[in-house]
Amino acid sequence: MKPMHRSIFALLLIATLGMASTTRARGPIGELKGTVLDSKGKPVANATVTMQSSDGKQPFATHTDSDGHFVFARFETGQYDLRAYSKGLFSNWMKRVSIRSKKTTEVTLRMPPSADVTVPVTQ
């Protein structure tokens, strides 16, 4: 196999295994869904939302839709940490969010205001 084909194959294999782990939970499962809002309360489309177990293991990611909504479906019960990323900015971590058996947990992540940089010009 050519080196490029090996790399693509390896990435596809990793992606497939990552998705398989979300659909074959070993214990009770639940769902986490939410919304990402900007500093003015407007939905943030196409933001990346990262979720990891609170012990720092098992990272997962998804993207928001055009209304700022995201879903992590069929995850094992437990405590998870979340944050969003968009346009060079990260939200604060939301720590120890519980996913409960056969329940849907809802959260809202808020992005910080973008930094307005004003540069004085002198002549």
PDB file of N, CA and C in Angstrom:
ATOM      1  N   MET A   1       0.846  -1.167   0.000  1.00  0.00           N
ATOM      2  CA  MET A   1       0.000   0.000   0.000  1.00  0.00           C
ATOM      3  C   MET A   1       0.901   1.242   0.000  1.00  0.00           C
ATOM      4  N   LYS A   2       0.521   2.275  -0.742  1.00  0.00           N
ATOM      5  CA  LYS A   2       1.285   3.511  -0.793  1.00  0.00           C
ATOM      6  C   LYS A   2       1.159   4.232   0.539  1.00  0.00           C
ATOM      7  N   PRO A   3       2.201   5.009   0.914  1.00  0.00           N
ATOM      8  CA  PRO A   3       2.151   5.716   2.201  1.00  0.00           C
ATOM      9  C   PRO A   3       0.908   6.595   2.374  1.00  0.00           C
ATOM     10  N   MET A   4       0.486   7.286   1.325  1.00  0.00           N
ATOM     11  CA  MET A   4      -0.695   8.150   1.416  1.00  0.00           C
ATOM     12  C   MET A   4      -1.948   7.329   1.686  1.00  0.00           C
ATOM     13  N   HIS A   5      -2.071   6.187   1.004  1.00  0.00           N
ATOM     14  CA  HIS A   5      -3.244   5.329   1.218  1.00  0.00           C
ATOM     15  C   HIS A   5      -3.238   4.759   2.627  1.00  0.00           C
ATOM     16  N   ARG A   6      -2.058   4.439   3.155  1.00  0.00           N
ATOM     17  CA  ARG A   6      -1.974   3.928   4.534  1.00  0.00           C
ATOM     18  C   ARG A   6      -2.457   4.972   5.525  1.00  0.00           C
ATOM     19  N   SER A   7      -2.050   6.234   5.310  1.00  0.00           N
ATOM     20  CA  SER A   7      -2.459   7.307   6.216  1.00  0.00           C
ATOM     21  C   SER A   7      -3.969   7.492   6.191  1.00  0.00           C
ATOM     22  N   ILE A   8      -4.544   7.504   4.989  1.00  0.00           N
ATOM     23  CA  ILE A   8      -5.991   7.670   4.872  1.00  0.00           C
ATOM     24  C   ILE A   8      -6.710   6.494   5.506  1.00  0.00           C
ATOM     25  N   PHE A   9      -6.227   5.282   5.259  1.00  0.00           N
ATOM     26  CA  PHE A   9      -6.822   4.087   5.855  1.00  0.00           C
ATOM     27  C   PHE A   9      -6.761   4.164   7.377  1.00  0.00           C
ATOM     28  N   ALA A  10      -5.607   4.576   7.913  1.00  0.00           N
ATOM     29  CA  ALA A  10      -5.450   4.663   9.370  1.00  0.00           C
ATOM     30  C   ALA A  10      -6.424   5.683   9.955  1.00  0.00           C
ATOM     31  N   LEU A  11      -6.577   6.848   9.308  1.00  0.00           N
ATOM     32  CA  LEU A  11      -7.508   7.859   9.802  1.00  0.00           C
ATOM     33  C   LEU A  11      -8.949   7.367   9.770  1.00  0.00           C
ATOM     34  N   LEU A  12      -9.315   6.683   8.690  1.00  0.00           N
ATOM     35  CA  LEU A  12     -10.679   6.141   8.603  1.00  0.00           C
ATOM     36  C   LEU A  12     -10.921   5.077   9.672  1.00  0.00           C
ATOM     37  N   LEU A  13      -9.925   4.251   9.914  1.00  0.00           N
ATOM     38  CA  LEU A  13     -10.051   3.218  10.947  1.00  0.00           C
ATOM     39  C   LEU A  13     -10.228   3.845  12.321  1.00  0.00           C
ATOM     40  N   ILE A  14      -9.435   4.865  12.635  1.00  0.00           N
ATOM     41  CA  ILE A  14      -9.538   5.544  13.933  1.00  0.00           C
ATOM     42  C   ILE A  14     -10.916   6.193  14.074  1.00  0.00           C
ATOM     43  N   ALA A  15     -11.378   6.856  13.014  1.00  0.00           N
ATOM     44  CA  ALA A  15     -12.692   7.501  13.063  1.00  0.00           C
ATOM     45  C   ALA A  15     -13.801   6.477  13.280  1.00  0.00           C
ATOM     46  N   THR A  16     -13.705   5.352  12.590  1.00  0.00           N
ATOM     47  CA  THR A  16     -14.715   4.304  12.726  1.00  0.00           C
ATOM     48  C   THR A  16     -14.723   3.738  14.135  1.00  0.00           C
ATOM     49  N   LEU A  17     -13.558   3.491  14.697  1.00  0.00           N
ATOM     50  CA  LEU A  17     -13.490   2.970  16.062  1.00  0.00           C
ATOM     51  C   LEU A  17     -14.029   3.978  17.058  1.00  0.00           C
ATOM     52  N   GLY A  18     -13.743   5.263  16.835  1.00  0.00           N
ATOM     53  CA  GLY A  18     -14.257   6.303  17.726  1.00  0.00           C
ATOM     54  C   GLY A  18     -15.767   6.369  17.705  1.00  0.00           C
ATOM     55  N   MET A  19     -16.370   6.261  16.514  1.00  0.00           N
ATOM     56  CA  MET A  19     -17.828   6.280  16.418  1.00  0.00           C
ATOM     57  C   MET A  19     -18.425   5.014  17.014  1.00  0.00           C
ATOM     58  N   ALA A  20     -17.771   3.889  16.833  1.00  0.00           N
ATOM     59  CA  ALA A  20     -18.293   2.636  17.371  1.00  0.00           C
ATOM     60  C   ALA A  20     -18.354   2.680  18.888  1.00  0.00           C
ATOM     61  N   SER A  21     -17.393   3.365  19.519  1.00  0.00           N
ATOM     62  CA  SER A  21     -17.394   3.408  20.978  1.00  0.00           C
ATOM     63  C   SER A  21     -18.581   4.187  21.515  1.00  0.00           C
ATOM     64  N   THR A  22     -19.126   5.126  20.716  1.00  0.00           N
ATOM     65  CA  THR A  22     -20.280   5.889  21.190  1.00  0.00           C
ATOM     66  C   THR A  22     -21.574   5.114  21.041  1.00  0.00           C
ATOM     67  N   THR A  23     -21.604   4.119  20.171  1.00  0.00           N
ATOM     68  CA  THR A  23     -22.846   3.396  19.963  1.00  0.00           C
ATOM     69  C   THR A  23     -22.899   2.088  20.739  1.00  0.00           C
ATOM     70  N   ARG A  24     -21.785   1.663  21.311  1.00  0.00           N
ATOM     71  CA  ARG A  24     -21.779   0.419  22.087  1.00  0.00           C
ATOM     72  C   ARG A  24     -21.354   0.707  23.518  1.00  0.00           C
ATOM     73  N   ALA A  25     -22.142   1.463  24.225  1.00  0.00           N
ATOM     74  CA  ALA A  25     -21.831   1.792  25.605  1.00  0.00           C
ATOM     75  C   ALA A  25     -21.860   0.526  26.447  1.00  0.00           C
ATOM     76  N   ARG A  26     -20.938   0.468  27.397  1.00  0.00           N
ATOM     77  CA  ARG A  26     -20.840  -0.731  28.247  1.00  0.00           C
ATOM     78  C   ARG A  26     -21.837  -0.730  29.384  1.00  0.00           C
ATOM     79  N   GLY A  27     -22.349   0.430  29.713  1.00  0.00           N
ATOM     80  CA  GLY A  27     -23.291   0.506  30.821  1.00  0.00           C
ATOM     81  C   GLY A  27     -24.518   1.291  30.413  1.00  0.00           C
ATOM     82  N   PRO A  28     -25.246   1.811  31.407  1.00  0.00           N
ATOM     83  CA  PRO A  28     -26.432   2.609  31.102  1.00  0.00           C
ATOM     84  C   PRO A  28     -26.049   3.822  30.256  1.00  0.00           C
ATOM     85  N   ILE A  29     -26.966   4.252  29.388  1.00  0.00           N
ATOM     86  CA  ILE A  29     -26.661   5.362  28.510  1.00  0.00           C
ATOM     87  C   ILE A  29     -27.658   6.489  28.665  1.00  0.00           C
ATOM     88  N   GLY A  30     -27.215   7.683  28.264  1.00  0.00           N
ATOM     89  CA  GLY A  30     -28.063   8.868  28.272  1.00  0.00           C
ATOM     90  C   GLY A  30     -27.622   9.784  27.155  1.00  0.00           C
ATOM     91  N   GLU A  31     -28.155  10.987  27.166  1.00  0.00           N
ATOM     92  CA  GLU A  31     -27.887  11.930  26.086  1.00  0.00           C
ATOM     93  C   GLU A  31     -27.576  13.297  26.675  1.00  0.00           C
ATOM     94  N   LEU A  32     -26.708  14.029  26.006  1.00  0.00           N
ATOM     95  CA  LEU A  32     -26.408  15.392  26.385  1.00  0.00           C
ATOM     96  C   LEU A  32     -26.614  16.266  25.156  1.00  0.00           C
ATOM     97  N   LYS A  33     -27.414  17.312  25.305  1.00  0.00           N
ATOM     98  CA  LYS A  33     -27.594  18.224  24.188  1.00  0.00           C
ATOM     99  C   LYS A  33     -27.553  19.640  24.722  1.00  0.00           C
ATOM    100  N   GLY A  34     -27.303  20.564  23.808  1.00  0.00           N
ATOM    101  CA  GLY A  34     -27.213  21.935  24.267  1.00  0.00           C
ATOM    102  C   GLY A  34     -27.127  22.927  23.141  1.00  0.00           C
ATOM    103  N   THR A  35     -26.815  24.153  23.550  1.00  0.00           N
ATOM    104  CA  THR A  35     -26.731  25.272  22.634  1.00  0.00           C
ATOM    105  C   THR A  35     -25.476  26.064  22.953  1.00  0.00           C
ATOM    106  N   VAL A  36     -24.828  26.572  21.901  1.00  0.00           N
ATOM    107  CA  VAL A  36     -23.697  27.476  22.069  1.00  0.00           C
ATOM    108  C   VAL A  36     -24.174  28.865  21.666  1.00  0.00           C
ATOM    109  N   LEU A  37     -23.979  29.832  22.578  1.00  0.00           N
ATOM    110  CA  LEU A  37     -24.391  31.209  22.339  1.00  0.00           C
ATOM    111  C   LEU A  37     -23.180  32.129  22.374  1.00  0.00           C
ATOM    112  N   ASP A  38     -23.233  33.217  21.599  1.00  0.00           N
ATOM    113  CA  ASP A  38     -22.146  34.192  21.657  1.00  0.00           C
ATOM    114  C   ASP A  38     -22.363  35.101  22.870  1.00  0.00           C
ATOM    115  N   SER A  39     -21.498  36.076  23.041  1.00  0.00           N
ATOM    116  CA  SER A  39     -21.571  36.940  24.227  1.00  0.00           C
ATOM    117  C   SER A  39     -22.822  37.812  24.248  1.00  0.00           C
ATOM    118  N   LYS A  40     -23.501  37.923  23.101  1.00  0.00           N
ATOM    119  CA  LYS A  40     -24.735  38.709  23.031  1.00  0.00           C
ATOM    120  C   LYS A  40     -25.984  37.831  23.082  1.00  0.00           C
ATOM    121  N   GLY A  41     -25.802  36.514  23.264  1.00  0.00           N
ATOM    122  CA  GLY A  41     -26.933  35.602  23.379  1.00  0.00           C
ATOM    123  C   GLY A  41     -27.433  35.044  22.061  1.00  0.00           C
ATOM    124  N   LYS A  42     -26.683  35.264  20.979  1.00  0.00           N
ATOM    125  CA  LYS A  42     -27.091  34.745  19.673  1.00  0.00           C
ATOM    126  C   LYS A  42     -26.456  33.377  19.439  1.00  0.00           C
ATOM    127  N   PRO A  43     -27.153  32.471  18.749  1.00  0.00           N
ATOM    128  CA  PRO A  43     -26.613  31.131  18.491  1.00  0.00           C
ATOM    129  C   PRO A  43     -25.342  31.194  17.639  1.00  0.00           C
ATOM    130  N   VAL A  44     -24.422  30.274  17.928  1.00  0.00           N
ATOM    131  CA  VAL A  44     -23.169  30.190  17.182  1.00  0.00           C
ATOM    132  C   VAL A  44     -23.226  28.944  16.306  1.00  0.00           C
ATOM    133  N   ALA A  45     -23.295  29.154  15.002  1.00  0.00           N
ATOM    134  CA  ALA A  45     -23.324  28.042  14.047  1.00  0.00           C
ATOM    135  C   ALA A  45     -21.918  27.508  13.817  1.00  0.00           C
ATOM    136  N   ASN A  46     -21.831  26.201  13.593  1.00  0.00           N
ATOM    137  CA  ASN A  46     -20.587  25.516  13.237  1.00  0.00           C
ATOM    138  C   ASN A  46     -19.484  25.654  14.279  1.00  0.00           C
ATOM    139  N   ALA A  47     -19.836  25.822  15.540  1.00  0.00           N
ATOM    140  CA  ALA A  47     -18.844  25.811  16.614  1.00  0.00           C
ATOM    141  C   ALA A  47     -18.475  24.356  16.894  1.00  0.00           C
ATOM    142  N   THR A  48     -17.250  24.123  17.300  1.00  0.00           N
ATOM    143  CA  THR A  48     -16.823  22.788  17.698  1.00  0.00           C
ATOM    144  C   THR A  48     -17.054  22.648  19.199  1.00  0.00           C
ATOM    145  N   VAL A  49     -17.774  21.614  19.596  1.00  0.00           N
ATOM    146  CA  VAL A  49     -18.026  21.345  21.007  1.00  0.00           C
ATOM    147  C   VAL A  49     -17.252  20.092  21.378  1.00  0.00           C
ATOM    148  N   THR A  50     -16.397  20.219  22.385  1.00  0.00           N
ATOM    149  CA  THR A  50     -15.575  19.108  22.853  1.00  0.00           C
ATOM    150  C   THR A  50     -16.125  18.619  24.182  1.00  0.00           C
ATOM    151  N   MET A  51     -16.241  17.309  24.310  1.00  0.00           N
ATOM    152  CA  MET A  51     -16.699  16.691  25.550  1.00  0.00           C
ATOM    153  C   MET A  51     -15.714  15.597  25.909  1.00  0.00           C
ATOM    154  N   GLN A  52     -15.330  15.556  27.179  1.00  0.00           N
ATOM    155  CA  GLN A  52     -14.460  14.479  27.655  1.00  0.00           C
ATOM    156  C   GLN A  52     -14.923  14.062  29.036  1.00  0.00           C
ATOM    157  N   SER A  53     -14.642  12.823  29.377  1.00  0.00           N
ATOM    158  CA  SER A  53     -14.999  12.384  30.722  1.00  0.00           C
ATOM    159  C   SER A  53     -14.238  13.259  31.710  1.00  0.00           C
ATOM    160  N   SER A  54     -14.793  13.470  32.885  1.00  0.00           N
ATOM    161  CA  SER A  54     -14.197  14.391  33.852  1.00  0.00           C
ATOM    162  C   SER A  54     -12.828  13.950  34.347  1.00  0.00           C
ATOM    163  N   ASP A  55     -12.447  12.697  34.089  1.00  0.00           N
ATOM    164  CA  ASP A  55     -11.095  12.266  34.446  1.00  0.00           C
ATOM    165  C   ASP A  55     -10.098  12.578  33.326  1.00  0.00           C
ATOM    166  N   GLY A  56     -10.564  13.290  32.279  1.00  0.00           N
ATOM    167  CA  GLY A  56      -9.689  13.709  31.190  1.00  0.00           C
ATOM    168  C   GLY A  56      -9.531  12.698  30.080  1.00  0.00           C
ATOM    169  N   LYS A  57     -10.205  11.584  30.175  1.00  0.00           N
ATOM    170  CA  LYS A  57     -10.100  10.543  29.156  1.00  0.00           C
ATOM    171  C   LYS A  57     -11.312  10.623  28.238  1.00  0.00           C
ATOM    172  N   GLN A  58     -11.308   9.830  27.207  1.00  0.00           N
ATOM    173  CA  GLN A  58     -12.427   9.687  26.279  1.00  0.00           C
ATOM    174  C   GLN A  58     -12.902  11.016  25.699  1.00  0.00           C
ATOM    175  N   PRO A  59     -12.062  11.717  24.924  1.00  0.00           N
ATOM    176  CA  PRO A  59     -12.530  12.954  24.297  1.00  0.00           C
ATOM    177  C   PRO A  59     -13.413  12.677  23.077  1.00  0.00           C
ATOM    178  N   PHE A  60     -14.416  13.509  22.900  1.00  0.00           N
ATOM    179  CA  PHE A  60     -15.325  13.434  21.763  1.00  0.00           C
ATOM    180  C   PHE A  60     -15.584  14.855  21.285  1.00  0.00           C
ATOM    181  N   ALA A  61     -15.974  15.002  20.029  1.00  0.00           N
ATOM    182  CA  ALA A  61     -16.280  16.333  19.504  1.00  0.00           C
ATOM    183  C   ALA A  61     -17.441  16.253  18.529  1.00  0.00           C
ATOM    184  N   THR A  62     -18.152  17.364  18.417  1.00  0.00           N
ATOM    185  CA  THR A  62     -19.227  17.509  17.449  1.00  0.00           C
ATOM    186  C   THR A  62     -19.291  18.980  17.052  1.00  0.00           C
ATOM    187  N   HIS A  63     -20.182  19.322  16.143  1.00  0.00           N
ATOM    188  CA  HIS A  63     -20.364  20.704  15.711  1.00  0.00           C
ATOM    189  C   HIS A  63     -21.809  21.135  15.916  1.00  0.00           C
ATOM    190  N   THR A  64     -21.969  22.441  16.094  1.00  0.00           N
ATOM    191  CA  THR A  64     -23.316  22.973  16.229  1.00  0.00           C
ATOM    192  C   THR A  64     -23.961  23.132  14.855  1.00  0.00           C
ATOM    193  N   ASP A  65     -25.287  23.088  14.843  1.00  0.00           N
ATOM    194  CA  ASP A  65     -26.024  23.322  13.603  1.00  0.00           C
ATOM    195  C   ASP A  65     -26.206  24.831  13.410  1.00  0.00           C
ATOM    196  N   SER A  66     -27.008  25.221  12.447  1.00  0.00           N
ATOM    197  CA  SER A  66     -27.191  26.648  12.142  1.00  0.00           C
ATOM    198  C   SER A  66     -27.871  27.416  13.273  1.00  0.00           C
ATOM    199  N   ASP A  67     -28.531  26.709  14.184  1.00  0.00           N
ATOM    200  CA  ASP A  67     -29.180  27.341  15.343  1.00  0.00           C
ATOM    201  C   ASP A  67     -28.349  27.240  16.617  1.00  0.00           C
ATOM    202  N   GLY A  68     -27.083  26.793  16.490  1.00  0.00           N
ATOM    203  CA  GLY A  68     -26.203  26.684  17.650  1.00  0.00           C
ATOM    204  C   GLY A  68     -26.428  25.446  18.501  1.00  0.00           C
ATOM    205  N   HIS A  69     -27.248  24.484  18.038  1.00  0.00           N
ATOM    206  CA  HIS A  69     -27.561  23.278  18.810  1.00  0.00           C
ATOM    207  C   HIS A  69     -26.564  22.152  18.512  1.00  0.00           C
ATOM    208  N   PHE A  70     -26.311  21.333  19.522  1.00  0.00           N
ATOM    209  CA  PHE A  70     -25.466  20.143  19.369  1.00  0.00           C
ATOM    210  C   PHE A  70     -26.038  19.011  20.205  1.00  0.00           C
ATOM    211  N   VAL A  71     -25.631  17.770  19.873  1.00  0.00           N
ATOM    212  CA  VAL A  71     -26.096  16.589  20.605  1.00  0.00           C
ATOM    213  C   VAL A  71     -24.956  15.581  20.717  1.00  0.00           C
ATOM    214  N   PHE A  72     -24.801  15.028  21.901  1.00  0.00           N
ATOM    215  CA  PHE A  72     -23.983  13.841  22.123  1.00  0.00           C
ATOM    216  C   PHE A  72     -24.974  12.759  22.547  1.00  0.00           C
ATOM    217  N   ALA A  73     -25.303  11.863  21.632  1.00  0.00           N
ATOM    218  CA  ALA A  73     -26.321  10.839  21.880  1.00  0.00           C
ATOM    219  C   ALA A  73     -25.675   9.516  22.266  1.00  0.00           C
ATOM    220  N   ARG A  74     -26.368   8.733  23.074  1.00  0.00           N
ATOM    221  CA  ARG A  74     -25.979   7.376  23.449  1.00  0.00           C
ATOM    222  C   ARG A  74     -24.606   7.307  24.117  1.00  0.00           C
ATOM    223  N   PHE A  75     -24.418   8.083  25.172  1.00  0.00           N
ATOM    224  CA  PHE A  75     -23.167   8.050  25.922  1.00  0.00           C
ATOM    225  C   PHE A  75     -23.382   7.402  27.278  1.00  0.00           C
ATOM    226  N   GLU A  76     -22.320   6.763  27.758  1.00  0.00           N
ATOM    227  CA  GLU A  76     -22.377   6.137  29.074  1.00  0.00           C
ATOM    228  C   GLU A  76     -22.659   7.184  30.137  1.00  0.00           C
ATOM    229  N   THR A  77     -23.390   6.770  31.155  1.00  0.00           N
ATOM    230  CA  THR A  77     -23.660   7.675  32.262  1.00  0.00           C
ATOM    231  C   THR A  77     -22.335   8.024  32.934  1.00  0.00           C
ATOM    232  N   GLY A  78     -22.293   9.204  33.505  1.00  0.00           N
ATOM    233  CA  GLY A  78     -21.078   9.652  34.179  1.00  0.00           C
ATOM    234  C   GLY A  78     -20.979  11.159  34.141  1.00  0.00           C
ATOM    235  N   GLN A  79     -19.793  11.635  34.514  1.00  0.00           N
ATOM    236  CA  GLN A  79     -19.542  13.071  34.573  1.00  0.00           C
ATOM    237  C   GLN A  79     -18.617  13.458  33.423  1.00  0.00           C
ATOM    238  N   TYR A  80     -18.965  14.544  32.754  1.00  0.00           N
ATOM    239  CA  TYR A  80     -18.217  14.998  31.580  1.00  0.00           C
ATOM    240  C   TYR A  80     -17.936  16.492  31.676  1.00  0.00           C
ATOM    241  N   ASP A  81     -16.846  16.907  31.031  1.00  0.00           N
ATOM    242  CA  ASP A  81     -16.480  18.319  30.927  1.00  0.00           C
ATOM    243  C   ASP A  81     -16.664  18.742  29.472  1.00  0.00           C
ATOM    244  N   LEU A  82     -17.176  19.947  29.274  1.00  0.00           N
ATOM    245  CA  LEU A  82     -17.464  20.444  27.916  1.00  0.00           C
ATOM    246  C   LEU A  82     -16.923  21.842  27.725  1.00  0.00           C
ATOM    247  N   ARG A  83     -16.594  22.149  26.456  1.00  0.00           N
ATOM    248  CA  ARG A  83     -16.326  23.522  26.069  1.00  0.00           C
ATOM    249  C   ARG A  83     -16.510  23.658  24.567  1.00  0.00           C
ATOM    250  N   ALA A  84     -16.678  24.900  24.129  1.00  0.00           N
ATOM    251  CA  ALA A  84     -16.897  25.183  22.719  1.00  0.00           C
ATOM    252  C   ALA A  84     -15.748  26.025  22.175  1.00  0.00           C
ATOM    253  N   TYR A  85     -15.552  25.905  20.859  1.00  0.00           N
ATOM    254  CA  TYR A  85     -14.529  26.675  20.162  1.00  0.00           C
ATOM    255  C   TYR A  85     -15.130  27.228  18.875  1.00  0.00           C
ATOM    256  N   SER A  86     -14.905  28.519  18.643  1.00  0.00           N
ATOM    257  CA  SER A  86     -15.364  29.126  17.399  1.00  0.00           C
ATOM    258  C   SER A  86     -14.576  30.399  17.132  1.00  0.00           C
ATOM    259  N   LYS A  87     -14.127  30.541  15.893  1.00  0.00           N
ATOM    260  CA  LYS A  87     -13.465  31.763  15.430  1.00  0.00           C
ATOM    261  C   LYS A  87     -12.328  32.204  16.355  1.00  0.00           C
ATOM    262  N   GLY A  88     -11.521  31.235  16.786  1.00  0.00           N
ATOM    263  CA  GLY A  88     -10.351  31.553  17.603  1.00  0.00           C
ATOM    264  C   GLY A  88     -10.618  31.744  19.080  1.00  0.00           C
ATOM    265  N   LEU A  89     -11.848  31.530  19.520  1.00  0.00           N
ATOM    266  CA  LEU A  89     -12.204  31.724  20.925  1.00  0.00           C
ATOM    267  C   LEU A  89     -12.712  30.425  21.536  1.00  0.00           C
ATOM    268  N   PHE A  90     -12.406  30.218  22.821  1.00  0.00           N
ATOM    269  CA  PHE A  90     -12.897  29.075  23.584  1.00  0.00           C
ATOM    270  C   PHE A  90     -13.846  29.560  24.662  1.00  0.00           C
ATOM    271  N   SER A  91     -14.909  28.810  24.897  1.00  0.00           N
ATOM    272  CA  SER A  91     -15.753  29.075  26.063  1.00  0.00           C
ATOM    273  C   SER A  91     -15.007  28.550  27.287  1.00  0.00           C
ATOM    274  N   ASN A  92     -15.479  28.918  28.460  1.00  0.00           N
ATOM    275  CA  ASN A  92     -14.945  28.305  29.676  1.00  0.00           C
ATOM    276  C   ASN A  92     -15.370  26.846  29.701  1.00  0.00           C
ATOM    277  N   TRP A  93     -14.590  26.016  30.395  1.00  0.00           N
ATOM    278  CA  TRP A  93     -14.981  24.620  30.577  1.00  0.00           C
ATOM    279  C   TRP A  93     -16.219  24.572  31.465  1.00  0.00           C
ATOM    280  N   MET A  94     -17.187  23.777  31.103  1.00  0.00           N
ATOM    281  CA  MET A  94     -18.321  23.465  31.964  1.00  0.00           C
ATOM    282  C   MET A  94     -17.978  22.110  32.569  1.00  0.00           C
ATOM    283  N   LYS A  95     -17.725  22.079  33.860  1.00  0.00           N
ATOM    284  CA  LYS A  95     -17.184  20.898  34.529  1.00  0.00           C
ATOM    285  C   LYS A  95     -18.270  20.028  35.155  1.00  0.00           C
ATOM    286  N   ARG A  96     -17.989  18.744  35.130  1.00  0.00           N
ATOM    287  CA  ARG A  96     -18.762  17.728  35.851  1.00  0.00           C
ATOM    288  C   ARG A  96     -20.260  17.745  35.508  1.00  0.00           C
ATOM    289  N   VAL A  97     -20.553  17.784  34.226  1.00  0.00           N
ATOM    290  CA  VAL A  97     -21.942  17.697  33.752  1.00  0.00           C
ATOM    291  C   VAL A  97     -22.328  16.222  33.769  1.00  0.00           C
ATOM    292  N   SER A  98     -23.447  15.907  34.376  1.00  0.00           N
ATOM    293  CA  SER A  98     -23.861  14.509  34.519  1.00  0.00           C
ATOM    294  C   SER A  98     -24.726  14.044  33.359  1.00  0.00           C
ATOM    295  N   ILE A  99     -24.372  12.895  32.811  1.00  0.00           N
ATOM    296  CA  ILE A  99     -25.248  12.190  31.879  1.00  0.00           C
ATOM    297  C   ILE A  99     -25.858  11.054  32.683  1.00  0.00           C
ATOM    298  N   ARG A 100     -27.194  11.020  32.725  1.00  0.00           N
ATOM    299  CA  ARG A 100     -27.909  10.028  33.528  1.00  0.00           C
ATOM    300  C   ARG A 100     -28.600   9.016  32.637  1.00  0.00           C
ATOM    301  N   SER A 101     -28.818   7.858  33.179  1.00  0.00           N
ATOM    302  CA  SER A 101     -29.432   6.757  32.449  1.00  0.00           C
ATOM    303  C   SER A 101     -30.810   7.133  31.917  1.00  0.00           C
ATOM    304  N   LYS A 102     -30.981   6.929  30.613  1.00  0.00           N
ATOM    305  CA  LYS A 102     -32.256   7.150  29.933  1.00  0.00           C
ATOM    306  C   LYS A 102     -32.791   8.575  30.088  1.00  0.00           C
ATOM    307  N   LYS A 103     -31.901   9.536  30.313  1.00  0.00           N
ATOM    308  CA  LYS A 103     -32.290  10.939  30.473  1.00  0.00           C
ATOM    309  C   LYS A 103     -31.537  11.791  29.463  1.00  0.00           C
ATOM    310  N   THR A 104     -32.056  12.989  29.214  1.00  0.00           N
ATOM    311  CA  THR A 104     -31.377  13.972  28.377  1.00  0.00           C
ATOM    312  C   THR A 104     -30.981  15.142  29.261  1.00  0.00           C
ATOM    313  N   THR A 105     -29.690  15.421  29.306  1.00  0.00           N
ATOM    314  CA  THR A 105     -29.161  16.571  30.039  1.00  0.00           C
ATOM    315  C   THR A 105     -29.004  17.712  29.047  1.00  0.00           C
ATOM    316  N   GLU A 106     -29.452  18.903  29.423  1.00  0.00           N
ATOM    317  CA  GLU A 106     -29.346  20.063  28.545  1.00  0.00           C
ATOM    318  C   GLU A 106     -28.436  21.116  29.162  1.00  0.00           C
ATOM    319  N   VAL A 107     -27.564  21.695  28.324  1.00  0.00           N
ATOM    320  CA  VAL A 107     -26.618  22.719  28.780  1.00  0.00           C
ATOM    321  C   VAL A 107     -26.572  23.872  27.782  1.00  0.00           C
ATOM    322  N   THR A 108     -26.065  25.006  28.245  1.00  0.00           N
ATOM    323  CA  THR A 108     -25.803  26.149  27.379  1.00  0.00           C
ATOM    324  C   THR A 108     -24.362  26.574  27.603  1.00  0.00           C
ATOM    325  N   LEU A 109     -23.597  26.633  26.522  1.00  0.00           N
ATOM    326  CA  LEU A 109     -22.220  27.112  26.575  1.00  0.00           C
ATOM    327  C   LEU A 109     -22.200  28.526  26.008  1.00  0.00           C
ATOM    328  N   ARG A 110     -21.485  29.420  26.684  1.00  0.00           N
ATOM    329  CA  ARG A 110     -21.432  30.820  26.250  1.00  0.00           C
ATOM    330  C   ARG A 110     -20.006  31.186  25.844  1.00  0.00           C
ATOM    331  N   MET A 111     -19.916  31.765  24.660  1.00  0.00           N
ATOM    332  CA  MET A 111     -18.622  32.201  24.149  1.00  0.00           C
ATOM    333  C   MET A 111     -18.273  33.556  24.749  1.00  0.00           C
ATOM    334  N   PRO A 112     -16.974  33.824  24.947  1.00  0.00           N
ATOM    335  CA  PRO A 112     -16.574  35.139  25.448  1.00  0.00           C
ATOM    336  C   PRO A 112     -16.684  36.180  24.332  1.00  0.00           C
ATOM    337  N   PRO A 113     -16.732  37.448  24.708  1.00  0.00           N
ATOM    338  CA  PRO A 113     -16.757  38.475  23.660  1.00  0.00           C
ATOM    339  C   PRO A 113     -15.434  38.469  22.906  1.00  0.00           C
ATOM    340  N   SER A 114     -15.503  38.793  21.628  1.00  0.00           N
ATOM    341  CA  SER A 114     -14.260  38.864  20.862  1.00  0.00           C
ATOM    342  C   SER A 114     -13.516  40.117  21.284  1.00  0.00           C
ATOM    343  N   ALA A 115     -12.217  40.028  21.247  1.00  0.00           N
ATOM    344  CA  ALA A 115     -11.389  41.157  21.665  1.00  0.00           C
ATOM    345  C   ALA A 115     -11.375  42.197  20.551  1.00  0.00           C
ATOM    346  N   ASP A 116     -11.792  43.397  20.891  1.00  0.00           N
ATOM    347  CA  ASP A 116     -11.693  44.502  19.936  1.00  0.00           C
ATOM    348  C   ASP A 116     -10.339  45.156  20.163  1.00  0.00           C
ATOM    349  N   VAL A 117      -9.541  45.094  19.153  1.00  0.00           N
ATOM    350  CA  VAL A 117      -8.207  45.659  19.271  1.00  0.00           C
ATOM    351  C   VAL A 117      -8.204  47.003  18.559  1.00  0.00           C
ATOM    352  N   THR A 118      -7.923  48.034  19.320  1.00  0.00           N
ATOM    353  CA  THR A 118      -7.836  49.369  18.753  1.00  0.00           C
ATOM    354  C   THR A 118      -6.377  49.788  18.779  1.00  0.00           C
ATOM    355  N   VAL A 119      -5.882  50.145  17.637  1.00  0.00           N
ATOM    356  CA  VAL A 119      -4.486  50.575  17.545  1.00  0.00           C
ATOM    357  C   VAL A 119      -4.467  52.048  17.190  1.00  0.00           C
ATOM    358  N   PRO A 120      -3.923  52.877  18.103  1.00  0.00           N
ATOM    359  CA  PRO A 120      -3.878  54.300  17.783  1.00  0.00           C
ATOM    360  C   PRO A 120      -2.846  54.550  16.677  1.00  0.00           C
ATOM    361  N   VAL A 121      -3.204  55.419  15.761  1.00  0.00           N
ATOM    362  CA  VAL A 121      -2.293  55.773  14.674  1.00  0.00           C
ATOM    363  C   VAL A 121      -1.912  57.236  14.871  1.00  0.00           C
ATOM    364  N   THR A 122      -0.622  57.459  14.921  1.00  0.00           N
ATOM    365  CA  THR A 122      -0.131  58.836  15.052  1.00  0.00           C
ATOM    366  C   THR A 122       0.603  59.234  13.788  1.00  0.00           C
ATOM    367  N   GLN A 123       0.531  60.495  13.480  1.00  0.00           N
ATOM    368  CA  GLN A 123       1.220  61.016  12.281  1.00  0.00           C
ATOM    369  C   GLN A 123       2.288  61.972  12.631  1.00  0.00           C
TER     370      GLN A 123
END
